[in-house]
Amino acid sequence: MIEGRVPIVPEKLFEQLKEGGRLVAVVGNGDLARAMLYRRNGSIGSFAAFDASVQQLPGIVAPKPGFVF
């Protein structure tokens, strides 16, 4: 469980999930974000559970967009 809102879930956390493992995170950029359940079943699947409002977790930032034409 990630104890705070994050703009994205770092790929390093998904790499640590064992087969059948689960990760819960509140993901979003604004005051209202989405609680997500991620599960590894060969690949990572996700399920949006509910809306939530929690404080931003410091230190995790969304990647800057690349070149846009």
PDB file of N, CA and C in Angstrom:
ATOM      1  N   MET A   1       0.842  -1.163   0.000  1.00  0.00           N
ATOM      2  CA  MET A   1       0.000   0.000   0.000  1.00  0.00           C
ATOM      3  C   MET A   1       0.896   1.236   0.000  1.00  0.00           C
ATOM      4  N   ILE A   2       0.582   2.175  -0.878  1.00  0.00           N
ATOM      5  CA  ILE A   2       1.273   3.455  -0.900  1.00  0.00           C
ATOM      6  C   ILE A   2       0.437   4.404  -0.045  1.00  0.00           C
ATOM      7  N   GLU A   3       1.043   4.970   0.974  1.00  0.00           N
ATOM      8  CA  GLU A   3       0.309   5.783   1.945  1.00  0.00           C
ATOM      9  C   GLU A   3       0.344   7.261   1.592  1.00  0.00           C
ATOM     10  N   GLY A   4      -0.272   7.631   0.502  1.00  0.00           N
ATOM     11  CA  GLY A   4      -0.351   9.002   0.033  1.00  0.00           C
ATOM     12  C   GLY A   4      -0.680   9.000  -1.454  1.00  0.00           C
ATOM     13  N   ARG A   5      -1.087  10.183  -1.976  1.00  0.00           N
ATOM     14  CA  ARG A   5      -1.427  10.296  -3.400  1.00  0.00           C
ATOM     15  C   ARG A   5      -0.150  10.421  -4.222  1.00  0.00           C
ATOM     16  N   VAL A   6      -0.117   9.726  -5.348  1.00  0.00           N
ATOM     17  CA  VAL A   6       1.010   9.802  -6.272  1.00  0.00           C
ATOM     18  C   VAL A   6       0.485  10.116  -7.669  1.00  0.00           C
ATOM     19  N   PRO A   7       1.250  10.872  -8.480  1.00  0.00           N
ATOM     20  CA  PRO A   7       0.801  11.144  -9.845  1.00  0.00           C
ATOM     21  C   PRO A   7       0.868   9.892 -10.726  1.00  0.00           C
ATOM     22  N   ILE A   8       1.836   9.042 -10.454  1.00  0.00           N
ATOM     23  CA  ILE A   8       1.996   7.751 -11.140  1.00  0.00           C
ATOM     24  C   ILE A   8       2.558   6.756 -10.140  1.00  0.00           C
ATOM     25  N   VAL A   9       2.375   5.475 -10.406  1.00  0.00           N
ATOM     26  CA  VAL A   9       3.005   4.444  -9.581  1.00  0.00           C
ATOM     27  C   VAL A   9       4.362   4.140 -10.211  1.00  0.00           C
ATOM     28  N   PRO A  10       5.445   4.289  -9.446  1.00  0.00           N
ATOM     29  CA  PRO A  10       6.774   4.018 -10.007  1.00  0.00           C
ATOM     30  C   PRO A  10       6.898   2.572 -10.496  1.00  0.00           C
ATOM     31  N   GLU A  11       7.501   2.419 -11.640  1.00  0.00           N
ATOM     32  CA  GLU A  11       7.684   1.094 -12.246  1.00  0.00           C
ATOM     33  C   GLU A  11       8.446   0.149 -11.311  1.00  0.00           C
ATOM     34  N   LYS A  12       9.339   0.697 -10.506  1.00  0.00           N
ATOM     35  CA  LYS A  12      10.126  -0.124  -9.567  1.00  0.00           C
ATOM     36  C   LYS A  12       9.217  -0.875  -8.587  1.00  0.00           C
ATOM     37  N   LEU A  13       8.094  -0.283  -8.211  1.00  0.00           N
ATOM     38  CA  LEU A  13       7.172  -0.969  -7.303  1.00  0.00           C
ATOM     39  C   LEU A  13       6.487  -2.138  -7.996  1.00  0.00           C
ATOM     40  N   PHE A  14       6.116  -1.962  -9.264  1.00  0.00           N
ATOM     41  CA  PHE A  14       5.513  -3.069 -10.007  1.00  0.00           C
ATOM     42  C   PHE A  14       6.508  -4.215 -10.171  1.00  0.00           C
ATOM     43  N   GLU A  15       7.775  -3.895 -10.347  1.00  0.00           N
ATOM     44  CA  GLU A  15       8.801  -4.928 -10.507  1.00  0.00           C
ATOM     45  C   GLU A  15       8.947  -5.781  -9.252  1.00  0.00           C
ATOM     46  N   GLN A  16       8.591  -5.231  -8.091  1.00  0.00           N
ATOM     47  CA  GLN A  16       8.730  -5.953  -6.831  1.00  0.00           C
ATOM     48  C   GLN A  16       7.559  -6.876  -6.524  1.00  0.00           C
ATOM     49  N   LEU A  17       6.465  -6.756  -7.274  1.00  0.00           N
ATOM     50  CA  LEU A  17       5.294  -7.608  -7.021  1.00  0.00           C
ATOM     51  C   LEU A  17       5.549  -9.038  -7.471  1.00  0.00           C
ATOM     52  N   LYS A  18       5.281  -9.980  -6.587  1.00  0.00           N
ATOM     53  CA  LYS A  18       5.353 -11.392  -6.953  1.00  0.00           C
ATOM     54  C   LYS A  18       4.087 -11.768  -7.715  1.00  0.00           C
ATOM     55  N   GLU A  19       4.084 -12.912  -8.332  1.00  0.00           N
ATOM     56  CA  GLU A  19       2.902 -13.420  -9.020  1.00  0.00           C
ATOM     57  C   GLU A  19       1.753 -13.518  -8.019  1.00  0.00           C
ATOM     58  N   GLY A  20       0.603 -12.910  -8.351  1.00  0.00           N
ATOM     59  CA  GLY A  20      -0.542 -12.876  -7.453  1.00  0.00           C
ATOM     60  C   GLY A  20      -0.487 -11.735  -6.445  1.00  0.00           C
ATOM     61  N   GLY A  21       0.619 -10.959  -6.452  1.00  0.00           N
ATOM     62  CA  GLY A  21       0.769  -9.852  -5.516  1.00  0.00           C
ATOM     63  C   GLY A  21      -0.136  -8.684  -5.875  1.00  0.00           C
ATOM     64  N   ARG A  22      -0.461  -7.884  -4.856  1.00  0.00           N
ATOM     65  CA  ARG A  22      -1.347  -6.734  -5.044  1.00  0.00           C
ATOM     66  C   ARG A  22      -0.703  -5.475  -4.505  1.00  0.00           C
ATOM     67  N   LEU A  23      -1.077  -4.350  -5.110  1.00  0.00           N
ATOM     68  CA  LEU A  23      -0.614  -3.040  -4.681  1.00  0.00           C
ATOM     69  C   LEU A  23      -1.800  -2.094  -4.727  1.00  0.00           C
ATOM     70  N   VAL A  24      -2.004  -1.333  -3.643  1.00  0.00           N
ATOM     71  CA  VAL A  24      -3.079  -0.350  -3.580  1.00  0.00           C
ATOM     72  C   VAL A  24      -2.444   1.025  -3.540  1.00  0.00           C
ATOM     73  N   ALA A  25      -2.946   1.947  -4.384  1.00  0.00           N
ATOM     74  CA  ALA A  25      -2.412   3.305  -4.443  1.00  0.00           C
ATOM     75  C   ALA A  25      -3.507   4.276  -4.832  1.00  0.00           C
ATOM     76  N   VAL A  26      -3.415   5.506  -4.299  1.00  0.00           N
ATOM     77  CA  VAL A  26      -4.292   6.587  -4.731  1.00  0.00           C
ATOM     78  C   VAL A  26      -3.522   7.371  -5.783  1.00  0.00           C
ATOM     79  N   VAL A  27      -4.037   7.383  -7.009  1.00  0.00           N
ATOM     80  CA  VAL A  27      -3.314   7.936  -8.150  1.00  0.00           C
ATOM     81  C   VAL A  27      -4.071   9.122  -8.727  1.00  0.00           C
ATOM     82  N   GLY A  28      -3.364  10.242  -8.906  1.00  0.00           N
ATOM     83  CA  GLY A  28      -3.971  11.422  -9.499  1.00  0.00           C
ATOM     84  C   GLY A  28      -3.150  12.663  -9.244  1.00  0.00           C
ATOM     85  N   ASN A  29      -3.529  13.753  -9.890  1.00  0.00           N
ATOM     86  CA  ASN A  29      -2.788  14.998  -9.756  1.00  0.00           C
ATOM     87  C   ASN A  29      -3.526  16.070  -8.971  1.00  0.00           C
ATOM     88  N   GLY A  30      -4.815  15.935  -8.800  1.00  0.00           N
ATOM     89  CA  GLY A  30      -5.588  16.970  -8.124  1.00  0.00           C
ATOM     90  C   GLY A  30      -6.009  16.547  -6.731  1.00  0.00           C
ATOM     91  N   ASP A  31      -6.885  17.362  -6.140  1.00  0.00           N
ATOM     92  CA  ASP A  31      -7.382  17.035  -4.811  1.00  0.00           C
ATOM     93  C   ASP A  31      -8.195  15.751  -4.797  1.00  0.00           C
ATOM     94  N   LEU A  32      -8.882  15.456  -5.894  1.00  0.00           N
ATOM     95  CA  LEU A  32      -9.659  14.236  -5.989  1.00  0.00           C
ATOM     96  C   LEU A  32      -8.935  13.264  -6.920  1.00  0.00           C
ATOM     97  N   ALA A  33      -8.584  12.112  -6.405  1.00  0.00           N
ATOM     98  CA  ALA A  33      -7.834  11.119  -7.178  1.00  0.00           C
ATOM     99  C   ALA A  33      -8.587   9.791  -7.113  1.00  0.00           C
ATOM    100  N   ARG A  34      -8.019   8.754  -7.700  1.00  0.00           N
ATOM    101  CA  ARG A  34      -8.677   7.459  -7.791  1.00  0.00           C
ATOM    102  C   ARG A  34      -7.859   6.408  -7.047  1.00  0.00           C
ATOM    103  N   ALA A  35      -8.525   5.676  -6.139  1.00  0.00           N
ATOM    104  CA  ALA A  35      -7.872   4.554  -5.468  1.00  0.00           C
ATOM    105  C   ALA A  35      -7.826   3.397  -6.460  1.00  0.00           C
ATOM    106  N   MET A  36      -6.642   2.881  -6.678  1.00  0.00           N
ATOM    107  CA  MET A  36      -6.430   1.830  -7.670  1.00  0.00           C
ATOM    108  C   MET A  36      -5.889   0.574  -6.994  1.00  0.00           C
ATOM    109  N   LEU A  37      -6.350  -0.578  -7.475  1.00  0.00           N
ATOM    110  CA  LEU A  37      -5.819  -1.863  -7.062  1.00  0.00           C
ATOM    111  C   LEU A  37      -5.088  -2.455  -8.257  1.00  0.00           C
ATOM    112  N   TYR A  38      -3.816  -2.751  -8.074  1.00  0.00           N
ATOM    113  CA  TYR A  38      -3.000  -3.373  -9.124  1.00  0.00           C
ATOM    114  C   TYR A  38      -2.704  -4.805  -8.687  1.00  0.00           C
ATOM    115  N   ARG A  39      -2.695  -5.726  -9.656  1.00  0.00           N
ATOM    116  CA  ARG A  39      -2.407  -7.127  -9.356  1.00  0.00           C
ATOM    117  C   ARG A  39      -1.565  -7.722 -10.473  1.00  0.00           C
ATOM    118  N   ARG A  40      -0.579  -8.527 -10.072  1.00  0.00           N
ATOM    119  CA  ARG A  40       0.255  -9.209 -11.062  1.00  0.00           C
ATOM    120  C   ARG A  40      -0.311 -10.603 -11.320  1.00  0.00           C
ATOM    121  N   ASN A  41      -0.725 -10.825 -12.533  1.00  0.00           N
ATOM    122  CA  ASN A  41      -1.158 -12.131 -13.036  1.00  0.00           C
ATOM    123  C   ASN A  41      -0.472 -12.322 -14.371  1.00  0.00           C
ATOM    124  N   GLY A  42       0.807 -12.604 -14.349  1.00  0.00           N
ATOM    125  CA  GLY A  42       1.592 -12.627 -15.576  1.00  0.00           C
ATOM    126  C   GLY A  42       1.992 -11.209 -15.934  1.00  0.00           C
ATOM    127  N   SER A  43       1.013 -10.356 -16.155  1.00  0.00           N
ATOM    128  CA  SER A  43       1.266  -8.929 -16.369  1.00  0.00           C
ATOM    129  C   SER A  43       0.518  -8.158 -15.276  1.00  0.00           C
ATOM    130  N   ILE A  44       0.695  -6.852 -15.250  1.00  0.00           N
ATOM    131  CA  ILE A  44       0.045  -6.026 -14.241  1.00  0.00           C
ATOM    132  C   ILE A  44      -1.329  -5.593 -14.746  1.00  0.00           C
ATOM    133  N   GLY A  45      -2.357  -5.895 -13.964  1.00  0.00           N
ATOM    134  CA  GLY A  45      -3.710  -5.439 -14.271  1.00  0.00           C
ATOM    135  C   GLY A  45      -4.135  -4.426 -13.225  1.00  0.00           C
ATOM    136  N   SER A  46      -5.123  -3.600 -13.551  1.00  0.00           N
ATOM    137  CA  SER A  46      -5.561  -2.589 -12.589  1.00  0.00           C
ATOM    138  C   SER A  46      -7.079  -2.536 -12.513  1.00  0.00           C
ATOM    139  N   PHE A  47      -7.556  -2.065 -11.365  1.00  0.00           N
ATOM    140  CA  PHE A  47      -8.988  -1.903 -11.111  1.00  0.00           C
ATOM    141  C   PHE A  47      -9.185  -0.604 -10.342  1.00  0.00           C
ATOM    142  N   ALA A  48     -10.021   0.296 -10.871  1.00  0.00           N
ATOM    143  CA  ALA A  48     -10.336   1.546 -10.183  1.00  0.00           C
ATOM    144  C   ALA A  48     -11.390   1.245  -9.127  1.00  0.00           C
ATOM    145  N   ALA A  49     -11.058   1.464  -7.845  1.00  0.00           N
ATOM    146  CA  ALA A  49     -11.944   1.085  -6.750  1.00  0.00           C
ATOM    147  C   ALA A  49     -12.899   2.205  -6.346  1.00  0.00           C
ATOM    148  N   PHE A  50     -12.371   3.406  -6.081  1.00  0.00           N
ATOM    149  CA  PHE A  50     -13.210   4.510  -5.631  1.00  0.00           C
ATOM    150  C   PHE A  50     -12.421   5.807  -5.712  1.00  0.00           C
ATOM    151  N   ASP A  51     -13.115   6.943  -5.605  1.00  0.00           N
ATOM    152  CA  ASP A  51     -12.466   8.248  -5.558  1.00  0.00           C
ATOM    153  C   ASP A  51     -11.977   8.500  -4.136  1.00  0.00           C
ATOM    154  N   ALA A  52     -10.853   9.217  -4.021  1.00  0.00           N
ATOM    155  CA  ALA A  52     -10.285   9.495  -2.708  1.00  0.00           C
ATOM    156  C   ALA A  52      -9.582  10.843  -2.725  1.00  0.00           C
ATOM    157  N   SER A  53      -9.476  11.435  -1.550  1.00  0.00           N
ATOM    158  CA  SER A  53      -8.761  12.699  -1.403  1.00  0.00           C
ATOM    159  C   SER A  53      -7.754  12.536  -0.275  1.00  0.00           C
ATOM    160  N   VAL A  54      -6.491  12.426  -0.623  1.00  0.00           N
ATOM    161  CA  VAL A  54      -5.411  12.276   0.359  1.00  0.00           C
ATOM    162  C   VAL A  54      -4.262  13.202  -0.025  1.00  0.00           C
ATOM    163  N   GLN A  55      -3.361  13.441   0.914  1.00  0.00           N
ATOM    164  CA  GLN A  55      -2.213  14.309   0.681  1.00  0.00           C
ATOM    165  C   GLN A  55      -1.253  13.692  -0.336  1.00  0.00           C
ATOM    166  N   GLN A  56      -0.612  14.568  -1.122  1.00  0.00           N
ATOM    167  CA  GLN A  56       0.420  14.148  -2.089  1.00  0.00           C
ATOM    168  C   GLN A  56       1.607  13.570  -1.333  1.00  0.00           C
ATOM    169  N   LEU A  57       2.129  12.465  -1.789  1.00  0.00           N
ATOM    170  CA  LEU A  57       3.319  11.853  -1.218  1.00  0.00           C
ATOM    171  C   LEU A  57       4.537  12.546  -1.811  1.00  0.00           C
ATOM    172  N   PRO A  58       5.407  13.132  -0.982  1.00  0.00           N
ATOM    173  CA  PRO A  58       6.562  13.840  -1.536  1.00  0.00           C
ATOM    174  C   PRO A  58       7.562  12.878  -2.177  1.00  0.00           C
ATOM    175  N   GLY A  59       8.259  13.371  -3.171  1.00  0.00           N
ATOM    176  CA  GLY A  59       9.344  12.605  -3.774  1.00  0.00           C
ATOM    177  C   GLY A  59       8.988  11.822  -5.024  1.00  0.00           C
ATOM    178  N   ILE A  60       7.727  11.663  -5.342  1.00  0.00           N
ATOM    179  CA  ILE A  60       7.341  10.942  -6.557  1.00  0.00           C
ATOM    180  C   ILE A  60       6.715  11.950  -7.507  1.00  0.00           C
ATOM    181  N   VAL A  61       7.343  12.146  -8.652  1.00  0.00           N
ATOM    182  CA  VAL A  61       6.846  13.108  -9.625  1.00  0.00           C
ATOM    183  C   VAL A  61       6.538  12.405 -10.931  1.00  0.00           C
ATOM    184  N   ALA A  62       5.566  12.939 -11.655  1.00  0.00           N
ATOM    185  CA  ALA A  62       5.204  12.381 -12.955  1.00  0.00           C
ATOM    186  C   ALA A  62       6.293  12.726 -13.961  1.00  0.00           C
ATOM    187  N   PRO A  63       6.566  11.837 -14.886  1.00  0.00           N
ATOM    188  CA  PRO A  63       7.558  12.167 -15.909  1.00  0.00           C
ATOM    189  C   PRO A  63       7.087  13.327 -16.773  1.00  0.00           C
ATOM    190  N   LYS A  64       8.030  14.148 -17.180  1.00  0.00           N
ATOM    191  CA  LYS A  64       7.695  15.262 -18.064  1.00  0.00           C
ATOM    192  C   LYS A  64       7.354  14.727 -19.444  1.00  0.00           C
ATOM    193  N   PRO A  65       6.331  15.297 -20.085  1.00  0.00           N
ATOM    194  CA  PRO A  65       5.973  14.811 -21.419  1.00  0.00           C
ATOM    195  C   PRO A  65       7.121  15.026 -22.395  1.00  0.00           C
ATOM    196  N   GLY A  66       7.259  14.097 -23.297  1.00  0.00           N
ATOM    197  CA  GLY A  66       8.275  14.219 -24.331  1.00  0.00           C
ATOM    198  C   GLY A  66       7.857  15.193 -25.415  1.00  0.00           C
ATOM    199  N   PHE A  67       8.516  15.151 -26.497  1.00  0.00           N
ATOM    200  CA  PHE A  67       8.221  16.017 -27.631  1.00  0.00           C
ATOM    201  C   PHE A  67       6.807  15.754 -28.136  1.00  0.00           C
ATOM    202  N   VAL A  68       6.048  16.824 -28.315  1.00  0.00           N
ATOM    203  CA  VAL A  68       4.696  16.720 -28.852  1.00  0.00           C
ATOM    204  C   VAL A  68       4.645  17.522 -30.124  1.00  0.00           C
ATOM    205  N   PHE A  69       4.180  16.930 -31.219  1.00  0.00           N
ATOM    206  CA  PHE A  69       4.147  17.610 -32.504  1.00  0.00           C
ATOM    207  C   PHE A  69       2.873  18.330 -32.701  1.00  0.00           C
TER     208      PHE A  69
END
